[in-house]
């Protein structure tokens, strides 16, 4: 299956009339401005994060997870910024800020899944090597960010997801048939509004296309993050009904070839990542 996700400017404007694309939260805008000035002050970044109690707690919880492998527990935001660096801490903040587009208990599972996908993607990028960890993390956070926007716009979107999750069905086709647009397209619009790197935006726009690894539309860095993202989701969800096993079967061979992974290497990655996930749950 291949879908046309390249919207014209006229189509974009029509979508924007019907769907509200949330702007960056104020605290994220301030942090990104500080980061983009070229001579960012880590103390100012730490001060901005510390001004939000929920954000501070989320950053400390994440950096102290097993995926970062730190020997000593980090208890201050200043220390977290120092250890992670401006680029990585900004990515973390962006991920937590993303939850503001659709808050509430009913969305908690979705955001937790996105966060776990991002952490596992970053770990896999490091373990495999030659892949930008920051891009992998950012893509993991934002890859399905259009789904909450679909849910807010269309009252029957949960039914669409259920239909798309049924055997021999496809979520993107169900979205297109029932709503004209799909969550990849909305994800691209949000990524553009939040000024994500172009390669991440483009990856969001094609990551569910079943021929993504055999078509000629993707550059290596884009396909890297898509491959890592699919692998991360497969490891996280395993055999749960939320993961489309038949979709993984379509991707698997080309994905492994793209990442140059043997079956034994894939099994080792799955084993090691599951060990980290288990440690993370325990801690």
Foldseek 3Di string as FASTA:
>chain_A
DFDDLDDDPVVVVVVCVQFPQDFQDPLLVVLVVLVPVPDHDLVVNQVSQVVDVVSFVQLQLVCQACLVVDPDRDDGSSVSCVVQDSLRVSLSSSLVSLCVVPDDPVCVVVSVQLQQLLSQLLSVCVVLDPADSSLLSNLSSLLQSLLVRVVVRDVCVVVLLVQCLDPPHHSQVSCCVPPVHHSLSSSLVNCVSHVPDPLSSVLSNGLQPLCVLPDPPHDLNSLSSSLSSVLSSCLVQPPPSSDRPVSCVSCVPSSCVSSVHDPVRSVVSSVVVVVSVVRRVVD
